[in-house]
Protein backbone atom coordinates (compact mmCIF):
# COMPACT_ATOMS: atom_id res chain seq x y z
CA MET A 1 37.39 -5.69 -25.18
CA ARG A 2 36.96 -6.64 -21.06
CA VAL A 3 35.99 -10.14 -19.55
CA GLU A 4 33.24 -9.94 -17.10
CA HIS A 5 34.71 -11.20 -13.86
CA GLU A 6 32.86 -14.18 -12.42
CA LEU A 7 31.97 -11.92 -9.36
CA HIS A 8 30.09 -9.30 -11.47
CA HIS A 9 27.72 -12.41 -12.64
CA ARG A 10 26.78 -13.50 -9.14
CA ARG A 11 26.16 -9.43 -8.15
CA ARG A 12 23.94 -9.03 -11.20
CA GLY A 13 21.92 -12.08 -10.00
CA ARG A 14 21.58 -11.20 -6.71
CA ASN A 15 20.59 -7.64 -7.75
CA LEU A 16 18.22 -8.91 -9.97
CA GLY A 17 16.77 -10.88 -7.26
CA VAL A 18 16.53 -8.22 -4.50
CA GLY A 19 15.12 -5.72 -6.88
CA LEU A 20 12.05 -7.91 -7.85
CA LEU A 21 11.53 -8.79 -4.28
CA LEU A 22 11.06 -5.19 -3.50
CA VAL A 23 9.09 -4.91 -6.51
CA GLY A 24 6.61 -7.73 -5.11
CA PHE A 25 6.48 -6.05 -1.77
CA VAL A 26 5.16 -2.49 -3.50
CA ALA A 27 2.98 -4.35 -5.44
CA LEU A 28 1.68 -6.37 -2.76
CA MET A 29 1.50 -3.25 -0.04
CA PHE A 30 -0.82 -1.53 -3.26
CA GLY A 31 -2.85 -4.33 -3.62
CA LEU A 32 -3.18 -4.54 0.07
CA THR A 33 -4.19 -0.76 0.04
CA VAL A 34 -6.80 -0.97 -2.53
CA VAL A 35 -8.51 -3.91 -1.14
CA LYS A 36 -8.62 -2.01 2.01
CA THR A 37 -9.97 1.30 0.82
CA LEU A 38 -12.52 -0.88 -1.63
CA SER A 39 -13.85 -2.90 1.30
CA LEU A 40 -14.49 0.34 3.29
CA GLY A 41 -17.80 0.79 0.82
CA SER A 42 -19.13 4.45 1.66
CA ILE A 43 -16.89 7.55 1.58
CA VAL A 44 -17.96 8.06 5.05
CA GLU A 45 -16.43 5.10 6.53
CA LEU A 46 -13.16 6.47 4.89
CA GLU A 47 -13.36 9.46 6.51
CA ARG A 48 -14.40 7.53 10.25
CA PHE A 49 -11.24 5.66 9.68
CA ASP A 50 -8.75 9.03 10.22
CA HIS A 51 -8.68 8.28 14.15
CA VAL A 52 -9.92 12.05 14.55
CA ALA A 53 -12.99 13.20 16.58
CA ARG A 54 -15.19 14.75 14.00
CA PRO A 55 -18.36 15.56 15.60
CA GLN A 56 -19.94 16.44 11.96
CA LEU A 57 -19.82 12.50 11.49
CA VAL A 58 -22.04 11.86 14.54
CA PRO A 59 -25.55 11.11 14.44
CA GLN A 60 -27.22 13.77 16.15
CA GLU A 61 -30.41 12.88 18.45
CA GLY A 62 -33.23 15.43 17.31
CA ALA A 63 -31.65 15.95 13.70
CA ALA A 64 -34.29 15.04 10.85
CA GLN A 65 -32.46 12.33 8.63
């Protein structure tokens, strides 16, 4: 049997810490994305958020509602 060196034990602890931070960051970004998407309300607001001029989304003056 190989005895694990103390250096390996410290690295495992650091790797675990970095892994937990990465998982936390991904969870935070996912949560922010879900909240931002749900706060838009309607699909029209979501479609307007793509920063592209789309004439079909602009209300026409003489159009019947």
